[in-house]
Full PDB file with SEQRES, HELIX, SHEET, SSBOND, CRYST1, ORIGX, SCALE, CONECT and MASTER records, all heavy atoms in Angstrom:
SEQRES   1 A   38  ILE VAL VAL THR HIS GLU MET GLY PHE ALA ARG GLU VAL          
SEQRES   2 A   38  CYS ASN ARG ILE VAL PHE ILE ASP GLY GLY LYS ILE VAL          
SEQRES   3 A   38  GLU GLU ALA SER PRO GLU GLU PHE PHE THR ASN ALA              
HELIX    1 AA1 MET A    7  VAL A   13  1                                   7    
HELIX    2 AA2 PRO A   31  ASN A   37  1                                   7    
SHEET    1 AA1 2 ILE A  17  ASP A  21  0                                        
SHEET    2 AA1 2 LYS A  24  ALA A  29 -1                                        
CRYST1    1.000    1.000    1.000  90.00  90.00  90.00 P 1           1          
ORIGX1      1.000000  0.000000  0.000000        0.00000                         
ORIGX2      0.000000  1.000000  0.000000        0.00000                         
ORIGX3      0.000000  0.000000  1.000000        0.00000                         
SCALE1      1.000000  0.000000  0.000000        0.00000                         
SCALE2      0.000000  1.000000  0.000000        0.00000                         
SCALE3      0.000000  0.000000  1.000000        0.00000                         
ATOM      1  N   ILE A   1     -11.492  -1.138  -3.702  1.00  0.00           N  
ATOM      2  CA  ILE A   1     -10.349  -0.235  -3.840  1.00  0.00           C  
ATOM      3  C   ILE A   1     -10.534   0.852  -2.793  1.00  0.00           C  
ATOM      4  O   ILE A   1     -11.539   1.561  -2.809  1.00  0.00           O  
ATOM      5  CB  ILE A   1     -10.263   0.380  -5.251  1.00  0.00           C  
ATOM      6  CG1 ILE A   1     -10.327  -0.715  -6.326  1.00  0.00           C  
ATOM      7  CG2 ILE A   1      -8.978   1.197  -5.393  1.00  0.00           C  
ATOM      8  CD1 ILE A   1     -10.387  -0.161  -7.740  1.00  0.00           C  
ATOM      9  N   VAL A   2      -9.583   0.955  -1.895  1.00  0.00           N  
ATOM     10  CA  VAL A   2      -9.733   1.811  -0.721  1.00  0.00           C  
ATOM     11  C   VAL A   2      -8.613   2.844  -0.679  1.00  0.00           C  
ATOM     12  O   VAL A   2      -7.426   2.485  -0.627  1.00  0.00           O  
ATOM     13  CB  VAL A   2      -9.704   0.972   0.588  1.00  0.00           C  
ATOM     14  CG1 VAL A   2      -9.970   1.866   1.793  1.00  0.00           C  
ATOM     15  CG2 VAL A   2     -10.702  -0.177   0.525  1.00  0.00           C  
ATOM     16  N   VAL A   3      -8.983   4.116  -0.731  1.00  0.00           N  
ATOM     17  CA  VAL A   3      -8.038   5.198  -0.461  1.00  0.00           C  
ATOM     18  C   VAL A   3      -8.134   5.506   1.024  1.00  0.00           C  
ATOM     19  O   VAL A   3      -9.200   5.869   1.530  1.00  0.00           O  
ATOM     20  CB  VAL A   3      -8.372   6.452  -1.296  1.00  0.00           C  
ATOM     21  CG1 VAL A   3      -7.535   7.646  -0.825  1.00  0.00           C  
ATOM     22  CG2 VAL A   3      -8.135   6.187  -2.771  1.00  0.00           C  
ATOM     23  N   THR A   4      -7.035   5.310   1.740  1.00  0.00           N  
ATOM     24  CA  THR A   4      -7.075   5.500   3.193  1.00  0.00           C  
ATOM     25  C   THR A   4      -5.684   5.761   3.732  1.00  0.00           C  
ATOM     26  O   THR A   4      -4.676   5.359   3.130  1.00  0.00           O  
ATOM     27  CB  THR A   4      -7.682   4.267   3.894  1.00  0.00           C  
ATOM     28  OG1 THR A   4      -7.792   4.535   5.294  1.00  0.00           O  
ATOM     29  CG2 THR A   4      -6.824   3.019   3.701  1.00  0.00           C  
ATOM     30  N   HIS A   5      -5.641   6.446   4.877  1.00  0.00           N  
ATOM     31  CA  HIS A   5      -4.394   6.610   5.629  1.00  0.00           C  
ATOM     32  C   HIS A   5      -4.325   5.622   6.790  1.00  0.00           C  
ATOM     33  O   HIS A   5      -3.368   5.660   7.573  1.00  0.00           O  
ATOM     34  CB  HIS A   5      -4.279   8.046   6.147  1.00  0.00           C  
ATOM     35  CG  HIS A   5      -4.130   9.066   5.060  1.00  0.00           C  
ATOM     36  ND1 HIS A   5      -2.978   9.191   4.300  1.00  0.00           N  
ATOM     37  CD2 HIS A   5      -4.986   9.990   4.568  1.00  0.00           C  
ATOM     38  CE1 HIS A   5      -3.137  10.155   3.417  1.00  0.00           C  
ATOM     39  NE2 HIS A   5      -4.350  10.660   3.557  1.00  0.00           N  
ATOM     40  N   GLU A   6      -5.323   4.760   6.900  1.00  0.00           N  
ATOM     41  CA  GLU A   6      -5.350   3.775   7.989  1.00  0.00           C  
ATOM     42  C   GLU A   6      -4.474   2.587   7.607  1.00  0.00           C  
ATOM     43  O   GLU A   6      -4.929   1.576   7.080  1.00  0.00           O  
ATOM     44  CB  GLU A   6      -6.790   3.332   8.266  1.00  0.00           C  
ATOM     45  CG  GLU A   6      -7.711   4.438   8.744  1.00  0.00           C  
ATOM     46  CD  GLU A   6      -7.318   4.988  10.104  1.00  0.00           C  
ATOM     47  OE1 GLU A   6      -6.721   4.225  10.900  1.00  0.00           O  
ATOM     48  OE2 GLU A   6      -7.601   6.162  10.378  1.00  0.00           O  
ATOM     49  N   MET A   7      -3.189   2.695   7.905  1.00  0.00           N  
ATOM     50  CA  MET A   7      -2.239   1.680   7.451  1.00  0.00           C  
ATOM     51  C   MET A   7      -2.339   0.377   8.245  1.00  0.00           C  
ATOM     52  O   MET A   7      -1.935  -0.672   7.756  1.00  0.00           O  
ATOM     53  CB  MET A   7      -0.812   2.232   7.491  1.00  0.00           C  
ATOM     54  CG  MET A   7      -0.551   3.308   6.436  1.00  0.00           C  
ATOM     55  SD  MET A   7      -0.718   2.699   4.721  1.00  0.00           S  
ATOM     56  CE  MET A   7      -2.271   3.454   4.221  1.00  0.00           C  
ATOM     57  N   GLY A   8      -2.899   0.442   9.462  1.00  0.00           N  
ATOM     58  CA  GLY A   8      -3.149  -0.798  10.191  1.00  0.00           C  
ATOM     59  C   GLY A   8      -4.175  -1.642   9.453  1.00  0.00           C  
ATOM     60  O   GLY A   8      -4.025  -2.865   9.305  1.00  0.00           O  
ATOM     61  N   PHE A   9      -5.221  -1.002   8.969  1.00  0.00           N  
ATOM     62  CA  PHE A   9      -6.234  -1.671   8.154  1.00  0.00           C  
ATOM     63  C   PHE A   9      -5.598  -2.221   6.885  1.00  0.00           C  
ATOM     64  O   PHE A   9      -5.846  -3.369   6.489  1.00  0.00           O  
ATOM     65  CB  PHE A   9      -7.342  -0.680   7.812  1.00  0.00           C  
ATOM     66  CG  PHE A   9      -8.325  -1.167   6.783  1.00  0.00           C  
ATOM     67  CD1 PHE A   9      -9.404  -1.951   7.156  1.00  0.00           C  
ATOM     68  CD2 PHE A   9      -8.162  -0.841   5.442  1.00  0.00           C  
ATOM     69  CE1 PHE A   9     -10.320  -2.404   6.200  1.00  0.00           C  
ATOM     70  CE2 PHE A   9      -9.069  -1.281   4.487  1.00  0.00           C  
ATOM     71  CZ  PHE A   9     -10.146  -2.067   4.871  1.00  0.00           C  
ATOM     72  N   ALA A  10      -4.779  -1.404   6.230  1.00  0.00           N  
ATOM     73  CA  ALA A  10      -4.130  -1.833   4.992  1.00  0.00           C  
ATOM     74  C   ALA A  10      -3.277  -3.078   5.228  1.00  0.00           C  
ATOM     75  O   ALA A  10      -3.315  -4.032   4.449  1.00  0.00           O  
ATOM     76  CB  ALA A  10      -3.263  -0.696   4.437  1.00  0.00           C  
ATOM     77  N   ARG A  11      -2.544  -3.065   6.305  1.00  0.00           N  
ATOM     78  CA  ARG A  11      -1.631  -4.181   6.590  1.00  0.00           C  
ATOM     79  C   ARG A  11      -2.399  -5.466   6.887  1.00  0.00           C  
ATOM     80  O   ARG A  11      -1.979  -6.556   6.495  1.00  0.00           O  
ATOM     81  CB  ARG A  11      -0.748  -3.809   7.786  1.00  0.00           C  
ATOM     82  CG  ARG A  11       0.480  -4.672   7.952  1.00  0.00           C  
ATOM     83  CD  ARG A  11       1.466  -4.021   8.903  1.00  0.00           C  
ATOM     84  NE  ARG A  11       2.775  -4.616   8.782  1.00  0.00           N  
ATOM     85  CZ  ARG A  11       3.901  -4.065   9.233  1.00  0.00           C  
ATOM     86  NH1 ARG A  11       3.837  -2.885   9.836  1.00  0.00           N  
ATOM     87  NH2 ARG A  11       5.055  -4.667   9.091  1.00  0.00           N  
ATOM     88  N   GLU A  12      -3.539  -5.321   7.534  1.00  0.00           N  
ATOM     89  CA  GLU A  12      -4.297  -6.496   7.976  1.00  0.00           C  
ATOM     90  C   GLU A  12      -5.201  -7.064   6.892  1.00  0.00           C  
ATOM     91  O   GLU A  12      -5.360  -8.288   6.783  1.00  0.00           O  
ATOM     92  CB  GLU A  12      -5.166  -6.105   9.180  1.00  0.00           C  
ATOM     93  CG  GLU A  12      -6.076  -7.193   9.683  1.00  0.00           C  
ATOM     94  CD  GLU A  12      -7.067  -6.695  10.720  1.00  0.00           C  
ATOM     95  OE1 GLU A  12      -6.937  -5.538  11.174  1.00  0.00           O  
ATOM     96  OE2 GLU A  12      -7.980  -7.461  11.054  1.00  0.00           O  
ATOM     97  N   VAL A  13      -5.772  -6.196   6.057  1.00  0.00           N  
ATOM     98  CA  VAL A  13      -6.894  -6.616   5.221  1.00  0.00           C  
ATOM     99  C   VAL A  13      -6.551  -6.728   3.739  1.00  0.00           C  
ATOM    100  O   VAL A  13      -7.039  -7.623   3.052  1.00  0.00           O  
ATOM    101  CB  VAL A  13      -8.086  -5.639   5.404  1.00  0.00           C  
ATOM    102  CG1 VAL A  13      -9.217  -5.953   4.441  1.00  0.00           C  
ATOM    103  CG2 VAL A  13      -8.579  -5.683   6.843  1.00  0.00           C  
ATOM    104  N   CYS A  14      -5.718  -5.828   3.220  1.00  0.00           N  
ATOM    105  CA  CYS A  14      -5.618  -5.748   1.765  1.00  0.00           C  
ATOM    106  C   CYS A  14      -4.675  -6.785   1.179  1.00  0.00           C  
ATOM    107  O   CYS A  14      -3.786  -7.315   1.854  1.00  0.00           O  
ATOM    108  CB  CYS A  14      -5.209  -4.340   1.327  1.00  0.00           C  
ATOM    109  SG  CYS A  14      -3.482  -3.947   1.560  1.00  0.00           S  
ATOM    110  N   ASN A  15      -4.887  -7.074  -0.103  1.00  0.00           N  
ATOM    111  CA  ASN A  15      -4.004  -7.969  -0.848  1.00  0.00           C  
ATOM    112  C   ASN A  15      -2.779  -7.238  -1.374  1.00  0.00           C  
ATOM    113  O   ASN A  15      -1.685  -7.801  -1.445  1.00  0.00           O  
ATOM    114  CB  ASN A  15      -4.747  -8.583  -2.044  1.00  0.00           C  
ATOM    115  CG  ASN A  15      -6.011  -9.297  -1.635  1.00  0.00           C  
ATOM    116  OD1 ASN A  15      -7.105  -8.768  -1.810  1.00  0.00           O  
ATOM    117  ND2 ASN A  15      -5.892 -10.489  -1.073  1.00  0.00           N  
ATOM    118  N   ARG A  16      -2.992  -5.988  -1.782  1.00  0.00           N  
ATOM    119  CA  ARG A  16      -1.921  -5.189  -2.368  1.00  0.00           C  
ATOM    120  C   ARG A  16      -2.019  -3.755  -1.900  1.00  0.00           C  
ATOM    121  O   ARG A  16      -3.120  -3.254  -1.684  1.00  0.00           O  
ATOM    122  CB  ARG A  16      -2.036  -5.170  -3.902  1.00  0.00           C  
ATOM    123  CG  ARG A  16      -1.269  -6.227  -4.639  1.00  0.00           C  
ATOM    124  CD  ARG A  16      -1.311  -5.955  -6.136  1.00  0.00           C  
ATOM    125  NE  ARG A  16      -2.634  -6.068  -6.712  1.00  0.00           N  
ATOM    126  CZ  ARG A  16      -2.998  -5.489  -7.854  1.00  0.00           C  
ATOM    127  NH1 ARG A  16      -2.166  -4.708  -8.510  1.00  0.00           N  
ATOM    128  NH2 ARG A  16      -4.226  -5.658  -8.321  1.00  0.00           N  
ATOM    129  N   ILE A  17      -0.893  -3.126  -1.757  1.00  0.00           N  
ATOM    130  CA  ILE A  17      -0.841  -1.681  -1.548  1.00  0.00           C  
ATOM    131  C   ILE A  17      -0.280  -1.052  -2.814  1.00  0.00           C  
ATOM    132  O   ILE A  17       0.758  -1.478  -3.331  1.00  0.00           O  
ATOM    133  CB  ILE A  17       0.007  -1.303  -0.325  1.00  0.00           C  
ATOM    134  CG1 ILE A  17      -0.653  -1.826   0.956  1.00  0.00           C  
ATOM    135  CG2 ILE A  17       0.202   0.212  -0.243  1.00  0.00           C  
ATOM    136  CD1 ILE A  17       0.109  -1.535   2.225  1.00  0.00           C  
ATOM    137  N   VAL A  18      -1.005  -0.066  -3.322  1.00  0.00           N  
ATOM    138  CA  VAL A  18      -0.571   0.688  -4.496  1.00  0.00           C  
ATOM    139  C   VAL A  18      -0.202   2.083  -4.005  1.00  0.00           C  
ATOM    140  O   VAL A  18      -1.053   2.802  -3.470  1.00  0.00           O  
ATOM    141  CB  VAL A  18      -1.697   0.750  -5.552  1.00  0.00           C  
ATOM    142  CG1 VAL A  18      -1.284   1.647  -6.711  1.00  0.00           C  
ATOM    143  CG2 VAL A  18      -2.056  -0.645  -6.040  1.00  0.00           C  
ATOM    144  N   PHE A  19       1.058   2.447  -4.162  1.00  0.00           N  
ATOM    145  CA  PHE A  19       1.539   3.738  -3.658  1.00  0.00           C  
ATOM    146  C   PHE A  19       1.664   4.715  -4.825  1.00  0.00           C  
ATOM    147  O   PHE A  19       2.372   4.454  -5.806  1.00  0.00           O  
ATOM    148  CB  PHE A  19       2.896   3.576  -2.966  1.00  0.00           C  
ATOM    149  CG  PHE A  19       3.461   4.857  -2.416  1.00  0.00           C  
ATOM    150  CD1 PHE A  19       2.917   5.435  -1.280  1.00  0.00           C  
ATOM    151  CD2 PHE A  19       4.518   5.497  -3.050  1.00  0.00           C  
ATOM    152  CE1 PHE A  19       3.421   6.632  -0.766  1.00  0.00           C  
ATOM    153  CE2 PHE A  19       5.033   6.683  -2.547  1.00  0.00           C  
ATOM    154  CZ  PHE A  19       4.487   7.244  -1.406  1.00  0.00           C  
ATOM    155  N   ILE A  20       0.926   5.825  -4.733  1.00  0.00           N  
ATOM    156  CA  ILE A  20       0.919   6.852  -5.777  1.00  0.00           C  
ATOM    157  C   ILE A  20       1.664   8.086  -5.278  1.00  0.00           C  
ATOM    158  O   ILE A  20       1.467   8.525  -4.145  1.00  0.00           O  
ATOM    159  CB  ILE A  20      -0.522   7.233  -6.176  1.00  0.00           C  
ATOM    160  CG1 ILE A  20      -1.225   6.041  -6.839  1.00  0.00           C  
ATOM    161  CG2 ILE A  20      -0.527   8.414  -7.130  1.00  0.00           C  
ATOM    162  CD1 ILE A  20      -2.614   6.373  -7.359  1.00  0.00           C  
ATOM    163  N   ASP A  21       2.496   8.633  -6.148  1.00  0.00           N  
ATOM    164  CA  ASP A  21       3.197   9.876  -5.820  1.00  0.00           C  
ATOM    165  C   ASP A  21       3.273  10.723  -7.088  1.00  0.00           C  
ATOM    166  O   ASP A  21       3.706  10.235  -8.139  1.00  0.00           O  
ATOM    167  CB  ASP A  21       4.604   9.578  -5.294  1.00  0.00           C  
ATOM    168  CG  ASP A  21       5.309  10.838  -4.826  1.00  0.00           C  
ATOM    169  OD1 ASP A  21       4.830  11.470  -3.868  1.00  0.00           O  
ATOM    170  OD2 ASP A  21       6.340  11.198  -5.438  1.00  0.00           O  
ATOM    171  N   GLY A  22       2.814  11.965  -7.011  1.00  0.00           N  
ATOM    172  CA  GLY A  22       2.858  12.850  -8.162  1.00  0.00           C  
ATOM    173  C   GLY A  22       2.089  12.325  -9.359  1.00  0.00           C  
ATOM    174  O   GLY A  22       2.479  12.560 -10.512  1.00  0.00           O  
ATOM    175  N   GLY A  23       0.984  11.627  -9.091  1.00  0.00           N  
ATOM    176  CA  GLY A  23       0.148  11.129 -10.174  1.00  0.00           C  
ATOM    177  C   GLY A  23       0.652   9.869 -10.840  1.00  0.00           C  
ATOM    178  O   GLY A  23       0.063   9.405 -11.824  1.00  0.00           O  
ATOM    179  N   LYS A  24       1.727   9.291 -10.313  1.00  0.00           N  
ATOM    180  CA  LYS A  24       2.281   8.054 -10.874  1.00  0.00           C  
ATOM    181  C   LYS A  24       2.266   6.946  -9.818  1.00  0.00           C  
ATOM    182  O   LYS A  24       2.451   7.213  -8.625  1.00  0.00           O  
ATOM    183  CB  LYS A  24       3.736   8.257 -11.328  1.00  0.00           C  
ATOM    184  CG  LYS A  24       3.931   9.250 -12.462  1.00  0.00           C  
ATOM    185  CD  LYS A  24       5.418   9.400 -12.773  1.00  0.00           C  
ATOM    186  CE  LYS A  24       5.653  10.408 -13.892  1.00  0.00           C  
ATOM    187  NZ  LYS A  24       5.250   9.877 -15.202  1.00  0.00           N  
ATOM    188  N   ILE A  25       2.045   5.709 -10.260  1.00  0.00           N  
ATOM    189  CA  ILE A  25       2.205   4.570  -9.366  1.00  0.00           C  
ATOM    190  C   ILE A  25       3.690   4.253  -9.293  1.00  0.00           C  
ATOM    191  O   ILE A  25       4.311   3.870 -10.291  1.00  0.00           O  
ATOM    192  CB  ILE A  25       1.411   3.343  -9.865  1.00  0.00           C  
ATOM    193  CG1 ILE A  25      -0.089   3.629  -9.800  1.00  0.00           C  
ATOM    194  CG2 ILE A  25       1.757   2.106  -9.022  1.00  0.00           C  
ATOM    195  CD1 ILE A  25      -0.964   2.497 -10.317  1.00  0.00           C  
ATOM    196  N   VAL A  26       4.258   4.454  -8.118  1.00  0.00           N  
ATOM    197  CA  VAL A  26       5.698   4.231  -7.971  1.00  0.00           C  
ATOM    198  C   VAL A  26       6.009   2.914  -7.267  1.00  0.00           C  
ATOM    199  O   VAL A  26       7.160   2.467  -7.262  1.00  0.00           O  
ATOM    200  CB  VAL A  26       6.385   5.401  -7.221  1.00  0.00           C  
ATOM    201  CG1 VAL A  26       6.249   6.687  -8.008  1.00  0.00           C  
ATOM    202  CG2 VAL A  26       5.806   5.582  -5.825  1.00  0.00           C  
ATOM    203  N   GLU A  27       4.964   2.290  -6.694  1.00  0.00           N  
ATOM    204  CA  GLU A  27       5.213   1.013  -6.004  1.00  0.00           C  
ATOM    205  C   GLU A  27       3.910   0.222  -5.888  1.00  0.00           C  
ATOM    206  O   GLU A  27       2.838   0.790  -5.619  1.00  0.00           O  
ATOM    207  CB  GLU A  27       5.761   1.290  -4.599  1.00  0.00           C  
ATOM    208  CG  GLU A  27       6.250   0.057  -3.891  1.00  0.00           C  
ATOM    209  CD  GLU A  27       7.722   0.148  -3.504  1.00  0.00           C  
ATOM    210  OE1 GLU A  27       8.336   1.225  -3.666  1.00  0.00           O  
ATOM    211  OE2 GLU A  27       8.238  -0.863  -3.029  1.00  0.00           O  
ATOM    212  N   GLU A  28       3.996  -1.060  -6.138  1.00  0.00           N  
ATOM    213  CA  GLU A  28       2.909  -2.008  -5.888  1.00  0.00           C  
ATOM    214  C   GLU A  28       3.507  -3.187  -5.154  1.00  0.00           C  
ATOM    215  O   GLU A  28       4.475  -3.780  -5.621  1.00  0.00           O  
ATOM    216  CB  GLU A  28       2.304  -2.522  -7.206  1.00  0.00           C  
ATOM    217  CG  GLU A  28       1.286  -1.669  -7.861  1.00  0.00           C  
ATOM    218  CD  GLU A  28       0.673  -2.377  -9.062  1.00  0.00           C  
ATOM    219  OE1 GLU A  28      -0.125  -3.324  -8.856  1.00  0.00           O  
ATOM    220  OE2 GLU A  28       0.998  -1.990 -10.197  1.00  0.00           O  
ATOM    221  N   ALA A  29       2.919  -3.552  -4.019  1.00  0.00           N  
ATOM    222  CA  ALA A  29       3.512  -4.637  -3.239  1.00  0.00           C  
ATOM    223  C   ALA A  29       2.491  -5.212  -2.282  1.00  0.00           C  
ATOM    224  O   ALA A  29       1.458  -4.586  -1.994  1.00  0.00           O  
ATOM    225  CB  ALA A  29       4.723  -4.116  -2.462  1.00  0.00           C  
ATOM    226  N   SER A  30       2.777  -6.387  -1.773  1.00  0.00           N  
ATOM    227  CA  SER A  30       1.984  -6.936  -0.681  1.00  0.00           C  
ATOM    228  C   SER A  30       2.191  -6.055   0.542  1.00  0.00           C  
ATOM    229  O   SER A  30       3.215  -5.349   0.637  1.00  0.00           O  
ATOM    230  CB  SER A  30       2.436  -8.364  -0.366  1.00  0.00           C  
ATOM    231  OG  SER A  30       3.741  -8.343   0.215  1.00  0.00           O  
ATOM    232  N   PRO A  31       1.240  -6.066   1.491  1.00  0.00           N  
ATOM    233  CA  PRO A  31       1.429  -5.231   2.688  1.00  0.00           C  
ATOM    234  C   PRO A  31       2.748  -5.506   3.402  1.00  0.00           C  
ATOM    235  O   PRO A  31       3.457  -4.562   3.795  1.00  0.00           O  
ATOM    236  CB  PRO A  31       0.226  -5.606   3.558  1.00  0.00           C  
ATOM    237  CG  PRO A  31      -0.813  -6.064   2.601  1.00  0.00           C  
ATOM    238  CD  PRO A  31      -0.074  -6.754   1.504  1.00  0.00           C  
ATOM    239  N   GLU A  32       3.098  -6.779   3.547  1.00  0.00           N  
ATOM    240  CA  GLU A  32       4.328  -7.120   4.274  1.00  0.00           C  
ATOM    241  C   GLU A  32       5.550  -6.556   3.563  1.00  0.00           C  
ATOM    242  O   GLU A  32       6.432  -5.946   4.184  1.00  0.00           O  
ATOM    243  CB  GLU A  32       4.444  -8.644   4.405  1.00  0.00           C  
ATOM    244  CG  GLU A  32       5.580  -9.099   5.317  1.00  0.00           C  
ATOM    245  CD  GLU A  32       5.433  -8.591   6.746  1.00  0.00           C  
ATOM    246  OE1 GLU A  32       4.293  -8.393   7.205  1.00  0.00           O  
ATOM    247  OE2 GLU A  32       6.476  -8.380   7.403  1.00  0.00           O  
ATOM    248  N   GLU A  33       5.588  -6.711   2.253  1.00  0.00           N  
ATOM    249  CA  GLU A  33       6.727  -6.203   1.492  1.00  0.00           C  
ATOM    250  C   GLU A  33       6.774  -4.684   1.515  1.00  0.00           C  
ATOM    251  O   GLU A  33       7.847  -4.080   1.659  1.00  0.00           O  
ATOM    252  CB  GLU A  33       6.646  -6.706   0.044  1.00  0.00           C  
ATOM    253  CG  GLU A  33       7.840  -6.324  -0.803  1.00  0.00           C  
ATOM    254  CD  GLU A  33       7.757  -6.882  -2.214  1.00  0.00           C  
ATOM    255  OE1 GLU A  33       6.774  -7.590  -2.512  1.00  0.00           O  
ATOM    256  OE2 GLU A  33       8.656  -6.586  -3.013  1.00  0.00           O  
ATOM    257  N   PHE A  34       5.596  -4.046   1.408  1.00  0.00           N  
ATOM    258  CA  PHE A  34       5.550  -2.588   1.392  1.00  0.00           C  
ATOM    259  C   PHE A  34       6.060  -2.005   2.702  1.00  0.00           C  
ATOM    260  O   PHE A  34       6.833  -1.045   2.706  1.00  0.00           O  
ATOM    261  CB  PHE A  34       4.118  -2.118   1.127  1.00  0.00           C  
ATOM    262  CG  PHE A  34       3.978  -0.627   1.039  1.00  0.00           C  
ATOM    263  CD1 PHE A  34       4.326   0.052  -0.117  1.00  0.00           C  
ATOM    264  CD2 PHE A  34       3.483   0.106   2.109  1.00  0.00           C  
ATOM    265  CE1 PHE A  34       4.195   1.435  -0.211  1.00  0.00           C  
ATOM    266  CE2 PHE A  34       3.347   1.487   2.029  1.00  0.00           C  
ATOM    267  CZ  PHE A  34       3.710   2.147   0.865  1.00  0.00           C  
ATOM    268  N   PHE A  35       5.647  -2.588   3.818  1.00  0.00           N  
ATOM    269  CA  PHE A  35       6.018  -2.021   5.115  1.00  0.00           C  
ATOM    270  C   PHE A  35       7.422  -2.406   5.574  1.00  0.00           C  
ATOM    271  O   PHE A  35       8.008  -1.711   6.399  1.00  0.00           O  
ATOM    272  CB  PHE A  35       4.992  -2.424   6.178  1.00  0.00           C  
ATOM    273  CG  PHE A  35       3.698  -1.675   6.073  1.00  0.00           C  
ATOM    274  CD1 PHE A  35       2.545  -2.296   5.616  1.00  0.00           C  
ATOM    275  CD2 PHE A  35       3.624  -0.331   6.407  1.00  0.00           C  
ATOM    276  CE1 PHE A  35       1.352  -1.605   5.499  1.00  0.00           C  
ATOM    277  CE2 PHE A  35       2.436   0.369   6.298  1.00  0.00           C  
ATOM    278  CZ  PHE A  35       1.291  -0.265   5.839  1.00  0.00           C  
ATOM    279  N   THR A  36       7.955  -3.494   5.068  1.00  0.00           N  
ATOM    280  CA  THR A  36       9.274  -3.932   5.533  1.00  0.00           C  
ATOM    281  C   THR A  36      10.372  -3.776   4.496  1.00  0.00           C  
ATOM    282  O   THR A  36      11.550  -3.733   4.852  1.00  0.00           O  
ATOM    283  CB  THR A  36       9.234  -5.414   5.965  1.00  0.00           C  
ATOM    284  OG1 THR A  36       8.870  -6.222   4.831  1.00  0.00           O  
ATOM    285  CG2 THR A  36       8.230  -5.627   7.086  1.00  0.00           C  
ATOM    286  N   ASN A  37       9.982  -3.677   3.204  1.00  0.00           N  
ATOM    287  CA  ASN A  37      11.022  -3.672   2.177  1.00  0.00           C  
ATOM    288  C   ASN A  37      10.590  -2.863   0.959  1.00  0.00           C  
ATOM    289  O   ASN A  37      10.721  -3.319  -0.181  1.00  0.00           O  
ATOM    290  CB  ASN A  37      11.340  -5.129   1.772  1.00  0.00           C  
ATOM    291  CG  ASN A  37      12.584  -5.218   0.911  1.00  0.00           C  
ATOM    292  OD1 ASN A  37      13.509  -4.433   1.065  1.00  0.00           O  
ATOM    293  ND2 ASN A  37      12.586  -6.164  -0.019  1.00  0.00           N  
ATOM    294  N   ALA A  38      10.063  -1.673   1.200  1.00  0.00           N  
ATOM    295  CA  ALA A  38       9.657  -0.811   0.073  1.00  0.00           C  
ATOM    296  C   ALA A  38      10.864  -0.497  -0.793  1.00  0.00           C  
ATOM    297  O   ALA A  38      11.965  -0.244  -0.286  1.00  0.00           O  
ATOM    298  CB  ALA A  38       9.030   0.472   0.602  1.00  0.00           C  
TER     299      ALA A  38                                                      
MASTER        0    0    0    2    2    0    0    6  298    1    0    3          
END                                                                             
């Protein structure tokens, strides 16, 4: 589980991106879906 701002790494390596805002998970998606169709 990686907290990072390195989105190139996220796009290349991770299975899922979990996006947190205001203490809530507002989005869970594959890297491709997150970057192209959030």
